[in-house]
Amino acid sequence: MPVVDCRGLACPQPVITTKQALDQLKDGELLVIVDNASSCNNVERFVRSQGCSVDIKESGPDFYIHINKATGKGEEEKIQPDEKGKKVVVYINSQLLGGGDEALGSFLMKAFLKPS
């Protein structure tokens, strides 16, 4: 199982590093280690948004985030258009997704808008 040690990294770096590791992982397990609750929560939210299951263990100051990525998981949850070629308009009135850390909000918005 690959291990990604993000201790000592400030947000949004643990989320970015986790995303890079998940992109390289076809399926299976990944362990991410962070050293603060904020990073743990952000990584957990991101990983769940990617359709992965998560189990978190706390040991001292560290959080061990066990991620399970299954191939094809989440595919059935994607919204299918009712008609082929149907146009959709989305209005976004912010450069950021969510509130709080601007760098994380910018990263999350880019990931949200990235075509799959």
PDB file of N, CA and C in Angstrom:
ATOM      1  N   MET A   1       0.850  -1.172   0.000  1.00  0.00           N
ATOM      2  CA  MET A   1       0.000   0.000   0.000  1.00  0.00           C
ATOM      3  C   MET A   1       0.899   1.240   0.000  1.00  0.00           C
ATOM      4  N   PRO A   2       0.677   2.156  -0.945  1.00  0.00           N
ATOM      5  CA  PRO A   2       1.458   3.393  -0.969  1.00  0.00           C
ATOM      6  C   PRO A   2       1.151   4.249   0.264  1.00  0.00           C
ATOM      7  N   VAL A   3       2.176   4.932   0.769  1.00  0.00           N
ATOM      8  CA  VAL A   3       2.034   5.824   1.917  1.00  0.00           C
ATOM      9  C   VAL A   3       2.462   7.223   1.490  1.00  0.00           C
ATOM     10  N   VAL A   4       1.596   8.205   1.791  1.00  0.00           N
ATOM     11  CA  VAL A   4       1.886   9.599   1.488  1.00  0.00           C
ATOM     12  C   VAL A   4       1.984  10.335   2.822  1.00  0.00           C
ATOM     13  N   ASP A   5       3.181  10.809   3.157  1.00  0.00           N
ATOM     14  CA  ASP A   5       3.411  11.494   4.421  1.00  0.00           C
ATOM     15  C   ASP A   5       3.321  13.001   4.201  1.00  0.00           C
ATOM     16  N   CYS A   6       2.246  13.595   4.693  1.00  0.00           N
ATOM     17  CA  CYS A   6       2.012  15.033   4.522  1.00  0.00           C
ATOM     18  C   CYS A   6       2.216  15.804   5.828  1.00  0.00           C
ATOM     19  N   ARG A   7       2.868  15.184   6.787  1.00  0.00           N
ATOM     20  CA  ARG A   7       3.113  15.887   8.053  1.00  0.00           C
ATOM     21  C   ARG A   7       4.007  17.088   7.799  1.00  0.00           C
ATOM     22  N   GLY A   8       3.642  18.198   8.410  1.00  0.00           N
ATOM     23  CA  GLY A   8       4.425  19.417   8.267  1.00  0.00           C
ATOM     24  C   GLY A   8       4.022  20.267   7.067  1.00  0.00           C
ATOM     25  N   LEU A   9       3.109  19.778   6.238  1.00  0.00           N
ATOM     26  CA  LEU A   9       2.666  20.543   5.072  1.00  0.00           C
ATOM     27  C   LEU A   9       1.432  21.365   5.415  1.00  0.00           C
ATOM     28  N   ALA A  10       1.415  22.611   4.949  1.00  0.00           N
ATOM     29  CA  ALA A  10       0.273  23.488   5.177  1.00  0.00           C
ATOM     30  C   ALA A  10      -0.765  23.279   4.079  1.00  0.00           C
ATOM     31  N   CYS A  11      -2.028  23.508   4.419  1.00  0.00           N
ATOM     32  CA  CYS A  11      -3.101  23.416   3.426  1.00  0.00           C
ATOM     33  C   CYS A  11      -2.866  24.463   2.344  1.00  0.00           C
ATOM     34  N   PRO A  12      -3.142  24.122   1.118  1.00  0.00           N
ATOM     35  CA  PRO A  12      -3.852  22.951   0.607  1.00  0.00           C
ATOM     36  C   PRO A  12      -2.927  21.830   0.147  1.00  0.00           C
ATOM     37  N   GLN A  13      -1.639  21.876   0.515  1.00  0.00           N
ATOM     38  CA  GLN A  13      -0.678  20.900   0.004  1.00  0.00           C
ATOM     39  C   GLN A  13      -1.045  19.446   0.302  1.00  0.00           C
ATOM     40  N   PRO A  14      -1.563  19.096   1.492  1.00  0.00           N
ATOM     41  CA  PRO A  14      -1.959  17.699   1.706  1.00  0.00           C
ATOM     42  C   PRO A  14      -3.047  17.236   0.731  1.00  0.00           C
ATOM     43  N   VAL A  15      -3.992  18.111   0.396  1.00  0.00           N
ATOM     44  CA  VAL A  15      -5.046  17.749  -0.559  1.00  0.00           C
ATOM     45  C   VAL A  15      -4.452  17.568  -1.954  1.00  0.00           C
ATOM     46  N   ILE A  16      -3.575  18.475  -2.342  1.00  0.00           N
ATOM     47  CA  ILE A  16      -2.938  18.401  -3.659  1.00  0.00           C
ATOM     48  C   ILE A  16      -2.100  17.135  -3.775  1.00  0.00           C
ATOM     49  N   THR A  17      -1.325  16.834  -2.751  1.00  0.00           N
ATOM     50  CA  THR A  17      -0.475  15.648  -2.752  1.00  0.00           C
ATOM     51  C   THR A  17      -1.327  14.378  -2.790  1.00  0.00           C
ATOM     52  N   THR A  18      -2.431  14.371  -2.038  1.00  0.00           N
ATOM     53  CA  THR A  18      -3.336  13.229  -2.048  1.00  0.00           C
ATOM     54  C   THR A  18      -3.960  13.044  -3.430  1.00  0.00           C
ATOM     55  N   LYS A  19      -4.359  14.138  -4.060  1.00  0.00           N
ATOM     56  CA  LYS A  19      -4.942  14.062  -5.405  1.00  0.00           C
ATOM     57  C   LYS A  19      -3.944  13.462  -6.387  1.00  0.00           C
ATOM     58  N   GLN A  20      -2.695  13.894  -6.310  1.00  0.00           N
ATOM     59  CA  GLN A  20      -1.666  13.361  -7.211  1.00  0.00           C
ATOM     60  C   GLN A  20      -1.480  11.857  -6.985  1.00  0.00           C
ATOM     61  N   ALA A  21      -1.475  11.432  -5.737  1.00  0.00           N
ATOM     62  CA  ALA A  21      -1.316  10.003  -5.429  1.00  0.00           C
ATOM     63  C   ALA A  21      -2.528   9.210  -5.902  1.00  0.00           C
ATOM     64  N   LEU A  22      -3.733   9.750  -5.725  1.00  0.00           N
ATOM     65  CA  LEU A  22      -4.938   9.062  -6.186  1.00  0.00           C
ATOM     66  C   LEU A  22      -4.965   8.953  -7.703  1.00  0.00           C
ATOM     67  N   ASP A  23      -4.503   9.992  -8.395  1.00  0.00           N
ATOM     68  CA  ASP A  23      -4.456   9.962  -9.858  1.00  0.00           C
ATOM     69  C   ASP A  23      -3.546   8.846 -10.366  1.00  0.00           C
ATOM     70  N   GLN A  24      -2.485   8.547  -9.626  1.00  0.00           N
ATOM     71  CA  GLN A  24      -1.543   7.503 -10.020  1.00  0.00           C
ATOM     72  C   GLN A  24      -2.020   6.107  -9.625  1.00  0.00           C
ATOM     73  N   LEU A  25      -2.971   6.046  -8.695  1.00  0.00           N
ATOM     74  CA  LEU A  25      -3.471   4.774  -8.175  1.00  0.00           C
ATOM     75  C   LEU A  25      -4.690   4.335  -8.972  1.00  0.00           C
ATOM     76  N   LYS A  26      -4.578   3.199  -9.673  1.00  0.00           N
ATOM     77  CA  LYS A  26      -5.707   2.705 -10.465  1.00  0.00           C
ATOM     78  C   LYS A  26      -6.835   2.257  -9.538  1.00  0.00           C
ATOM     79  N   ASP A  27      -6.519   1.393  -8.614  1.00  0.00           N
ATOM     80  CA  ASP A  27      -7.441   1.006  -7.556  1.00  0.00           C
ATOM     81  C   ASP A  27      -6.621   0.414  -6.421  1.00  0.00           C
ATOM     82  N   GLY A  28      -7.264   0.250  -5.272  1.00  0.00           N
ATOM     83  CA  GLY A  28      -6.563  -0.286  -4.116  1.00  0.00           C
ATOM     84  C   GLY A  28      -6.559   0.689  -2.962  1.00  0.00           C
ATOM     85  N   GLU A  29      -5.557   0.531  -2.100  1.00  0.00           N
ATOM     86  CA  GLU A  29      -5.497   1.320  -0.877  1.00  0.00           C
ATOM     87  C   GLU A  29      -4.347   2.315  -0.910  1.00  0.00           C
ATOM     88  N   LEU A  30      -4.548   3.395  -0.160  1.00  0.00           N
ATOM     89  CA  LEU A  30      -3.564   4.451  -0.023  1.00  0.00           C
ATOM     90  C   LEU A  30      -3.629   4.927   1.421  1.00  0.00           C
ATOM     91  N   LEU A  31      -2.485   5.196   2.024  1.00  0.00           N
ATOM     92  CA  LEU A  31      -2.434   5.732   3.379  1.00  0.00           C
ATOM     93  C   LEU A  31      -1.853   7.130   3.315  1.00  0.00           C
ATOM     94  N   VAL A  32      -2.594   8.108   3.854  1.00  0.00           N
ATOM     95  CA  VAL A  32      -2.124   9.489   3.923  1.00  0.00           C
ATOM     96  C   VAL A  32      -1.978   9.844   5.392  1.00  0.00           C
ATOM     97  N   ILE A  33      -0.825  10.417   5.757  1.00  0.00           N
ATOM     98  CA  ILE A  33      -0.568  10.809   7.141  1.00  0.00           C
ATOM     99  C   ILE A  33      -0.493  12.329   7.198  1.00  0.00           C
ATOM    100  N   VAL A  34      -1.297  12.933   8.082  1.00  0.00           N
ATOM    101  CA  VAL A  34      -1.265  14.381   8.307  1.00  0.00           C
ATOM    102  C   VAL A  34      -1.122  14.627   9.799  1.00  0.00           C
ATOM    103  N   ASP A  35      -0.746  15.854  10.140  1.00  0.00           N
ATOM    104  CA  ASP A  35      -0.483  16.135  11.550  1.00  0.00           C
ATOM    105  C   ASP A  35      -1.385  17.209  12.155  1.00  0.00           C
ATOM    106  N   ASN A  36      -2.527  17.503  11.483  1.00  0.00           N
ATOM    107  CA  ASN A  36      -3.476  18.429  12.091  1.00  0.00           C
ATOM    108  C   ASN A  36      -4.894  18.123  11.616  1.00  0.00           C
ATOM    109  N   ALA A  37      -5.869  18.489  12.442  1.00  0.00           N
ATOM    110  CA  ALA A  37      -7.265  18.157  12.171  1.00  0.00           C
ATOM    111  C   ALA A  37      -7.789  18.839  10.910  1.00  0.00           C
ATOM    112  N   SER A  38      -7.356  20.047  10.643  1.00  0.00           N
ATOM    113  CA  SER A  38      -7.817  20.775   9.460  1.00  0.00           C
ATOM    114  C   SER A  38      -7.420  20.047   8.179  1.00  0.00           C
ATOM    115  N   SER A  39      -6.169  19.637   8.080  1.00  0.00           N
ATOM    116  CA  SER A  39      -5.707  18.888   6.913  1.00  0.00           C
ATOM    117  C   SER A  39      -6.440  17.561   6.806  1.00  0.00           C
ATOM    118  N   CYS A  40      -6.671  16.913   7.929  1.00  0.00           N
ATOM    119  CA  CYS A  40      -7.389  15.636   7.943  1.00  0.00           C
ATOM    120  C   CYS A  40      -8.795  15.817   7.372  1.00  0.00           C
ATOM    121  N   ASN A  41      -9.506  16.846   7.832  1.00  0.00           N
ATOM    122  CA  ASN A  41     -10.864  17.104   7.350  1.00  0.00           C
ATOM    123  C   ASN A  41     -10.879  17.433   5.864  1.00  0.00           C
ATOM    124  N   ASN A  42      -9.930  18.253   5.418  1.00  0.00           N
ATOM    125  CA  ASN A  42      -9.879  18.639   4.003  1.00  0.00           C
ATOM    126  C   ASN A  42      -9.572  17.447   3.102  1.00  0.00           C
ATOM    127  N   VAL A  43      -8.614  16.613   3.512  1.00  0.00           N
ATOM    128  CA  VAL A  43      -8.277  15.423   2.722  1.00  0.00           C
ATOM    129  C   VAL A  43      -9.468  14.464   2.704  1.00  0.00           C
ATOM    130  N   GLU A  44     -10.107  14.278   3.851  1.00  0.00           N
ATOM    131  CA  GLU A  44     -11.264  13.376   3.912  1.00  0.00           C
ATOM    132  C   GLU A  44     -12.377  13.848   2.982  1.00  0.00           C
ATOM    133  N   ARG A  45     -12.709  15.144   3.018  1.00  0.00           N
ATOM    134  CA  ARG A  45     -13.772  15.669   2.146  1.00  0.00           C
ATOM    135  C   ARG A  45     -13.415  15.480   0.675  1.00  0.00           C
ATOM    136  N   PHE A  46     -12.152  15.775   0.323  1.00  0.00           N
ATOM    137  CA  PHE A  46     -11.732  15.626  -1.064  1.00  0.00           C
ATOM    138  C   PHE A  46     -11.839  14.166  -1.516  1.00  0.00           C
ATOM    139  N   VAL A  47     -11.327  13.258  -0.699  1.00  0.00           N
ATOM    140  CA  VAL A  47     -11.300  11.841  -1.073  1.00  0.00           C
ATOM    141  C   VAL A  47     -12.717  11.290  -1.222  1.00  0.00           C
ATOM    142  N   ARG A  48     -13.602  11.656  -0.311  1.00  0.00           N
ATOM    143  CA  ARG A  48     -14.998  11.209  -0.413  1.00  0.00           C
ATOM    144  C   ARG A  48     -15.639  11.772  -1.681  1.00  0.00           C
ATOM    145  N   SER A  49     -15.288  13.001  -2.049  1.00  0.00           N
ATOM    146  CA  SER A  49     -15.854  13.592  -3.270  1.00  0.00           C
ATOM    147  C   SER A  49     -15.390  12.853  -4.518  1.00  0.00           C
ATOM    148  N   GLN A  50     -14.302  12.093  -4.396  1.00  0.00           N
ATOM    149  CA  GLN A  50     -13.773  11.316  -5.507  1.00  0.00           C
ATOM    150  C   GLN A  50     -14.344   9.897  -5.532  1.00  0.00           C
ATOM    151  N   GLY A  51     -15.273   9.599  -4.615  1.00  0.00           N
ATOM    152  CA  GLY A  51     -15.931   8.292  -4.597  1.00  0.00           C
ATOM    153  C   GLY A  51     -15.173   7.218  -3.841  1.00  0.00           C
ATOM    154  N   CYS A  52     -14.195   7.611  -3.043  1.00  0.00           N
ATOM    155  CA  CYS A  52     -13.398   6.633  -2.285  1.00  0.00           C
ATOM    156  C   CYS A  52     -13.965   6.482  -0.874  1.00  0.00           C
ATOM    157  N   SER A  53     -13.721   5.323  -0.271  1.00  0.00           N
ATOM    158  CA  SER A  53     -14.086   5.134   1.126  1.00  0.00           C
ATOM    159  C   SER A  53     -12.887   5.520   1.995  1.00  0.00           C
ATOM    160  N   VAL A  54     -13.184   5.976   3.215  1.00  0.00           N
ATOM    161  CA  VAL A  54     -12.147   6.524   4.090  1.00  0.00           C
ATOM    162  C   VAL A  54     -12.323   5.981   5.500  1.00  0.00           C
ATOM    163  N   ASP A  55     -11.198   5.655   6.135  1.00  0.00           N
ATOM    164  CA  ASP A  55     -11.177   5.267   7.540  1.00  0.00           C
ATOM    165  C   ASP A  55     -10.038   6.043   8.191  1.00  0.00           C
ATOM    166  N   ILE A  56     -10.327   6.763   9.277  1.00  0.00           N
ATOM    167  CA  ILE A  56      -9.326   7.629   9.907  1.00  0.00           C
ATOM    168  C   ILE A  56      -9.012   7.122  11.300  1.00  0.00           C
ATOM    169  N   LYS A  57      -7.716   7.015  11.580  1.00  0.00           N
ATOM    170  CA  LYS A  57      -7.236   6.642  12.912  1.00  0.00           C
ATOM    171  C   LYS A  57      -6.344   7.781  13.410  1.00  0.00           C
ATOM    172  N   GLU A  58      -6.537   8.164  14.662  1.00  0.00           N
ATOM    173  CA  GLU A  58      -5.718   9.211  15.275  1.00  0.00           C
ATOM    174  C   GLU A  58      -4.744   8.559  16.241  1.00  0.00           C
ATOM    175  N   SER A  59      -3.469   8.931  16.122  1.00  0.00           N
ATOM    176  CA  SER A  59      -2.439   8.405  17.007  1.00  0.00           C
ATOM    177  C   SER A  59      -1.530   9.554  17.409  1.00  0.00           C
ATOM    178  N   GLY A  60      -1.673   9.995  18.641  1.00  0.00           N
ATOM    179  CA  GLY A  60      -0.897  11.150  19.087  1.00  0.00           C
ATOM    180  C   GLY A  60      -1.315  12.371  18.284  1.00  0.00           C
ATOM    181  N   PRO A  61      -0.340  13.117  17.760  1.00  0.00           N
ATOM    182  CA  PRO A  61      -0.683  14.315  16.983  1.00  0.00           C
ATOM    183  C   PRO A  61      -1.019  14.008  15.515  1.00  0.00           C
ATOM    184  N   ASP A  62      -0.850  12.752  15.121  1.00  0.00           N
ATOM    185  CA  ASP A  62      -1.003  12.394  13.713  1.00  0.00           C
ATOM    186  C   ASP A  62      -2.345  11.733  13.411  1.00  0.00           C
ATOM    187  N   PHE A  63      -2.798  11.924  12.164  1.00  0.00           N
ATOM    188  CA  PHE A  63      -4.013  11.300  11.659  1.00  0.00           C
ATOM    189  C   PHE A  63      -3.618  10.395  10.499  1.00  0.00           C
ATOM    190  N   TYR A  64      -4.040   9.149  10.550  1.00  0.00           N
ATOM    191  CA  TYR A  64      -3.758   8.170   9.506  1.00  0.00           C
ATOM    192  C   TYR A  64      -5.043   7.958   8.712  1.00  0.00           C
ATOM    193  N   ILE A  65      -5.029   8.409   7.470  1.00  0.00           N
ATOM    194  CA  ILE A  65      -6.217   8.361   6.624  1.00  0.00           C
ATOM    195  C   ILE A  65      -6.065   7.190   5.656  1.00  0.00           C
ATOM    196  N   HIS A  66      -6.822   6.125   5.892  1.00  0.00           N
ATOM    197  CA  HIS A  66      -6.792   4.942   5.044  1.00  0.00           C
ATOM    198  C   HIS A  66      -7.844   5.128   3.951  1.00  0.00           C
ATOM    199  N   ILE A  67      -7.401   5.154   2.715  1.00  0.00           N
ATOM    200  CA  ILE A  67      -8.275   5.417   1.573  1.00  0.00           C
ATOM    201  C   ILE A  67      -8.374   4.157   0.730  1.00  0.00           C
ATOM    202  N   ASN A  68      -9.594   3.819   0.335  1.00  0.00           N
ATOM    203  CA  ASN A  68      -9.807   2.675  -0.539  1.00  0.00           C
ATOM    204  C   ASN A  68     -10.442   3.182  -1.827  1.00  0.00           C
ATOM    205  N   LYS A  69      -9.712   3.031  -2.936  1.00  0.00           N
ATOM    206  CA  LYS A  69     -10.198   3.467  -4.246  1.00  0.00           C
ATOM    207  C   LYS A  69     -10.550   2.227  -5.053  1.00  0.00           C
ATOM    208  N   ALA A  70     -11.816   2.115  -5.420  1.00  0.00           N
ATOM    209  CA  ALA A  70     -12.279   0.970  -6.220  1.00  0.00           C
ATOM    210  C   ALA A  70     -12.512   1.424  -7.650  1.00  0.00           C
ATOM    211  N   THR A  71     -12.033   0.664  -8.616  1.00  0.00           N
ATOM    212  CA  THR A  71     -12.226   0.991 -10.017  1.00  0.00           C
ATOM    213  C   THR A  71     -13.701   1.008 -10.343  1.00  0.00           C
ATOM    214  N   GLY A  72     -14.120   2.071 -11.038  1.00  0.00           N
ATOM    215  CA  GLY A  72     -15.508   2.183 -11.460  1.00  0.00           C
ATOM    216  C   GLY A  72     -16.437   2.692 -10.392  1.00  0.00           C
ATOM    217  N   LYS A  73     -15.968   2.796  -9.159  1.00  0.00           N
ATOM    218  CA  LYS A  73     -16.826   3.284  -8.098  1.00  0.00           C
ATOM    219  C   LYS A  73     -17.173   4.738  -8.351  1.00  0.00           C
ATOM    220  N   GLY A  74     -18.424   5.082  -8.207  1.00  0.00           N
ATOM    221  CA  GLY A  74     -18.874   6.439  -8.410  1.00  0.00           C
ATOM    222  C   GLY A  74     -19.337   6.706  -9.830  1.00  0.00           C
ATOM    223  N   GLU A  75     -19.037   5.808 -10.765  1.00  0.00           N
ATOM    224  CA  GLU A  75     -19.442   6.022 -12.152  1.00  0.00           C
ATOM    225  C   GLU A  75     -20.962   6.040 -12.272  1.00  0.00           C
ATOM    226  N   GLU A  76     -21.635   5.180 -11.484  1.00  0.00           N
ATOM    227  CA  GLU A  76     -23.077   5.127 -11.589  1.00  0.00           C
ATOM    228  C   GLU A  76     -23.733   6.362 -10.989  1.00  0.00           C
ATOM    229  N   GLU A  77     -22.986   7.130 -10.202  1.00  0.00           N
ATOM    230  CA  GLU A  77     -23.539   8.310  -9.565  1.00  0.00           C
ATOM    231  C   GLU A  77     -23.485   9.539 -10.458  1.00  0.00           C
ATOM    232  N   LYS A  78     -22.754   9.485 -11.557  1.00  0.00           N
ATOM    233  CA  LYS A  78     -22.663  10.627 -12.444  1.00  0.00           C
ATOM    234  C   LYS A  78     -24.008  10.895 -13.084  1.00  0.00           C
ATOM    235  N   ILE A  79     -24.338  12.152 -13.216  1.00  0.00           N
ATOM    236  CA  ILE A  79     -25.602  12.538 -13.819  1.00  0.00           C
ATOM    237  C   ILE A  79     -25.503  12.391 -15.328  1.00  0.00           C
ATOM    238  N   GLN A  80     -26.454  11.681 -15.902  1.00  0.00           N
ATOM    239  CA  GLN A  80     -26.500  11.496 -17.342  1.00  0.00           C
ATOM    240  C   GLN A  80     -27.493  12.492 -17.921  1.00  0.00           C
ATOM    241  N   PRO A  81     -27.153  13.143 -19.023  1.00  0.00           N
ATOM    242  CA  PRO A  81     -28.083  14.096 -19.616  1.00  0.00           C
ATOM    243  C   PRO A  81     -29.319  13.375 -20.151  1.00  0.00           C
ATOM    244  N   ASP A  82     -30.477  14.039 -20.052  1.00  0.00           N
ATOM    245  CA  ASP A  82     -31.724  13.479 -20.560  1.00  0.00           C
ATOM    246  C   ASP A  82     -31.712  13.377 -22.081  1.00  0.00           C
ATOM    247  N   GLU A  83     -31.092  14.337 -22.718  1.00  0.00           N
ATOM    248  CA  GLU A  83     -31.040  14.363 -24.175  1.00  0.00           C
ATOM    249  C   GLU A  83     -29.601  14.585 -24.613  1.00  0.00           C
ATOM    250  N   LYS A  84     -29.212  13.925 -25.706  1.00  0.00           N
ATOM    251  CA  LYS A  84     -27.871  14.144 -26.229  1.00  0.00           C
ATOM    252  C   LYS A  84     -27.765  15.567 -26.750  1.00  0.00           C
ATOM    253  N   GLY A  85     -26.651  16.207 -26.464  1.00  0.00           N
ATOM    254  CA  GLY A  85     -26.405  17.550 -26.969  1.00  0.00           C
ATOM    255  C   GLY A  85     -27.139  18.632 -26.201  1.00  0.00           C
ATOM    256  N   LYS A  86     -27.780  18.296 -25.098  1.00  0.00           N
ATOM    257  CA  LYS A  86     -28.501  19.286 -24.311  1.00  0.00           C
ATOM    258  C   LYS A  86     -27.513  20.293 -23.735  1.00  0.00           C
ATOM    259  N   LYS A  87     -27.816  21.556 -23.883  1.00  0.00           N
ATOM    260  CA  LYS A  87     -26.945  22.628 -23.390  1.00  0.00           C
ATOM    261  C   LYS A  87     -27.294  22.956 -21.945  1.00  0.00           C
ATOM    262  N   VAL A  88     -26.264  23.187 -21.145  1.00  0.00           N
ATOM    263  CA  VAL A  88     -26.434  23.558 -19.752  1.00  0.00           C
ATOM    264  C   VAL A  88     -25.612  24.808 -19.494  1.00  0.00           C
ATOM    265  N   VAL A  89     -26.202  25.764 -18.807  1.00  0.00           N
ATOM    266  CA  VAL A  89     -25.499  26.986 -18.445  1.00  0.00           C
ATOM    267  C   VAL A  89     -25.368  27.012 -16.927  1.00  0.00           C
ATOM    268  N   VAL A  90     -24.154  27.257 -16.458  1.00  0.00           N
ATOM    269  CA  VAL A  90     -23.899  27.335 -15.025  1.00  0.00           C
ATOM    270  C   VAL A  90     -23.289  28.697 -14.726  1.00  0.00           C
ATOM    271  N   TYR A  91     -23.847  29.408 -13.765  1.00  0.00           N
ATOM    272  CA  TYR A  91     -23.324  30.712 -13.363  1.00  0.00           C
ATOM    273  C   TYR A  91     -22.547  30.538 -12.062  1.00  0.00           C
ATOM    274  N   ILE A  92     -21.298  30.955 -12.077  1.00  0.00           N
ATOM    275  CA  ILE A  92     -20.448  30.877 -10.889  1.00  0.00           C
ATOM    276  C   ILE A  92     -20.018  32.297 -10.562  1.00  0.00           C
ATOM    277  N   ASN A  93     -20.313  32.738  -9.348  1.00  0.00           N
ATOM    278  CA  ASN A  93     -20.023  34.116  -8.992  1.00  0.00           C
ATOM    279  C   ASN A  93     -18.822  34.260  -8.057  1.00  0.00           C
ATOM    280  N   SER A  94     -17.913  33.296  -8.109  1.00  0.00           N
ATOM    281  CA  SER A  94     -16.733  33.352  -7.255  1.00  0.00           C
ATOM    282  C   SER A  94     -15.578  32.619  -7.932  1.00  0.00           C
ATOM    283  N   GLN A  95     -14.367  33.019  -7.587  1.00  0.00           N
ATOM    284  CA  GLN A  95     -13.182  32.323  -8.072  1.00  0.00           C
ATOM    285  C   GLN A  95     -12.854  31.128  -7.181  1.00  0.00           C
ATOM    286  N   LEU A  96     -13.508  31.058  -6.026  1.00  0.00           N
ATOM    287  CA  LEU A  96     -13.184  30.055  -5.023  1.00  0.00           C
ATOM    288  C   LEU A  96     -14.374  29.145  -4.767  1.00  0.00           C
ATOM    289  N   LEU A  97     -14.085  27.925  -4.330  1.00  0.00           N
ATOM    290  CA  LEU A  97     -15.112  26.994  -3.900  1.00  0.00           C
ATOM    291  C   LEU A  97     -15.007  26.882  -2.392  1.00  0.00           C
ATOM    292  N   GLY A  98     -16.081  27.193  -1.695  1.00  0.00           N
ATOM    293  CA  GLY A  98     -16.075  27.141  -0.243  1.00  0.00           C
ATOM    294  C   GLY A  98     -15.584  28.441   0.363  1.00  0.00           C
ATOM    295  N   GLY A  99     -15.352  28.421   1.650  1.00  0.00           N
ATOM    296  CA  GLY A  99     -14.857  29.591   2.371  1.00  0.00           C
ATOM    297  C   GLY A  99     -13.617  29.231   3.149  1.00  0.00           C
ATOM    298  N   GLY A 100     -12.858  30.228   3.521  1.00  0.00           N
ATOM    299  CA  GLY A 100     -11.643  29.973   4.288  1.00  0.00           C
ATOM    300  C   GLY A 100     -10.403  30.202   3.467  1.00  0.00           C
ATOM    301  N   ASP A 101      -9.523  29.231   3.438  1.00  0.00           N
ATOM    302  CA  ASP A 101      -8.229  29.338   2.773  1.00  0.00           C
ATOM    303  C   ASP A 101      -8.402  29.573   1.269  1.00  0.00           C
ATOM    304  N   GLU A 102      -7.876  30.689   0.768  1.00  0.00           N
ATOM    305  CA  GLU A 102      -8.040  31.043  -0.647  1.00  0.00           C
ATOM    306  C   GLU A 102      -7.323  30.072  -1.584  1.00  0.00           C
ATOM    307  N   ALA A 103      -6.137  29.612  -1.205  1.00  0.00           N
ATOM    308  CA  ALA A 103      -5.391  28.687  -2.062  1.00  0.00           C
ATOM    309  C   ALA A 103      -6.158  27.372  -2.213  1.00  0.00           C
ATOM    310  N   LEU A 104      -6.723  26.872  -1.119  1.00  0.00           N
ATOM    311  CA  LEU A 104      -7.504  25.643  -1.168  1.00  0.00           C
ATOM    312  C   LEU A 104      -8.774  25.857  -1.993  1.00  0.00           C
ATOM    313  N   GLY A 105      -9.461  26.978  -1.785  1.00  0.00           N
ATOM    314  CA  GLY A 105     -10.671  27.277  -2.538  1.00  0.00           C
ATOM    315  C   GLY A 105     -10.415  27.368  -4.023  1.00  0.00           C
ATOM    316  N   SER A 106      -9.292  27.949  -4.400  1.00  0.00           N
ATOM    317  CA  SER A 106      -8.915  28.049  -5.814  1.00  0.00           C
ATOM    318  C   SER A 106      -8.632  26.670  -6.397  1.00  0.00           C
ATOM    319  N   PHE A 107      -7.887  25.853  -5.668  1.00  0.00           N
ATOM    320  CA  PHE A 107      -7.576  24.493  -6.112  1.00  0.00           C
ATOM    321  C   PHE A 107      -8.858  23.673  -6.283  1.00  0.00           C
ATOM    322  N   LEU A 108      -9.759  23.766  -5.301  1.00  0.00           N
ATOM    323  CA  LEU A 108     -10.993  23.001  -5.374  1.00  0.00           C
ATOM    324  C   LEU A 108     -11.868  23.444  -6.550  1.00  0.00           C
ATOM    325  N   MET A 109     -11.893  24.752  -6.836  1.00  0.00           N
ATOM    326  CA  MET A 109     -12.677  25.246  -7.968  1.00  0.00           C
ATOM    327  C   MET A 109     -12.105  24.698  -9.286  1.00  0.00           C
ATOM    328  N   LYS A 110     -10.771  24.700  -9.413  1.00  0.00           N
ATOM    329  CA  LYS A 110     -10.151  24.165 -10.621  1.00  0.00           C
ATOM    330  C   LYS A 110     -10.472  22.680 -10.772  1.00  0.00           C
ATOM    331  N   ALA A 111     -10.437  21.938  -9.672  1.00  0.00           N
ATOM    332  CA  ALA A 111     -10.747  20.508  -9.734  1.00  0.00           C
ATOM    333  C   ALA A 111     -12.224  20.287 -10.079  1.00  0.00           C
ATOM    334  N   PHE A 112     -13.110  21.157  -9.565  1.00  0.00           N
ATOM    335  CA  PHE A 112     -14.532  21.051  -9.846  1.00  0.00           C
ATOM    336  C   PHE A 112     -14.835  21.304 -11.321  1.00  0.00           C
ATOM    337  N   LEU A 113     -14.137  22.278 -11.896  1.00  0.00           N
ATOM    338  CA  LEU A 113     -14.403  22.659 -13.292  1.00  0.00           C
ATOM    339  C   LEU A 113     -13.659  21.806 -14.303  1.00  0.00           C
ATOM    340  N   LYS A 114     -12.710  21.002 -13.861  1.00  0.00           N
ATOM    341  CA  LYS A 114     -11.927  20.169 -14.772  1.00  0.00           C
ATOM    342  C   LYS A 114     -12.832  19.126 -15.418  1.00  0.00           C
ATOM    343  N   PRO A 115     -12.817  19.059 -16.758  1.00  0.00           N
ATOM    344  CA  PRO A 115     -13.647  18.042 -17.418  1.00  0.00           C
ATOM    345  C   PRO A 115     -13.145  16.644 -17.086  1.00  0.00           C
ATOM    346  N   SER A 116     -14.077  15.700 -16.924  1.00  0.00           N
ATOM    347  CA  SER A 116     -13.669  14.332 -16.597  1.00  0.00           C
ATOM    348  C   SER A 116     -13.466  13.483 -17.802  1.00  0.00           C
TER     349      SER A 116
END
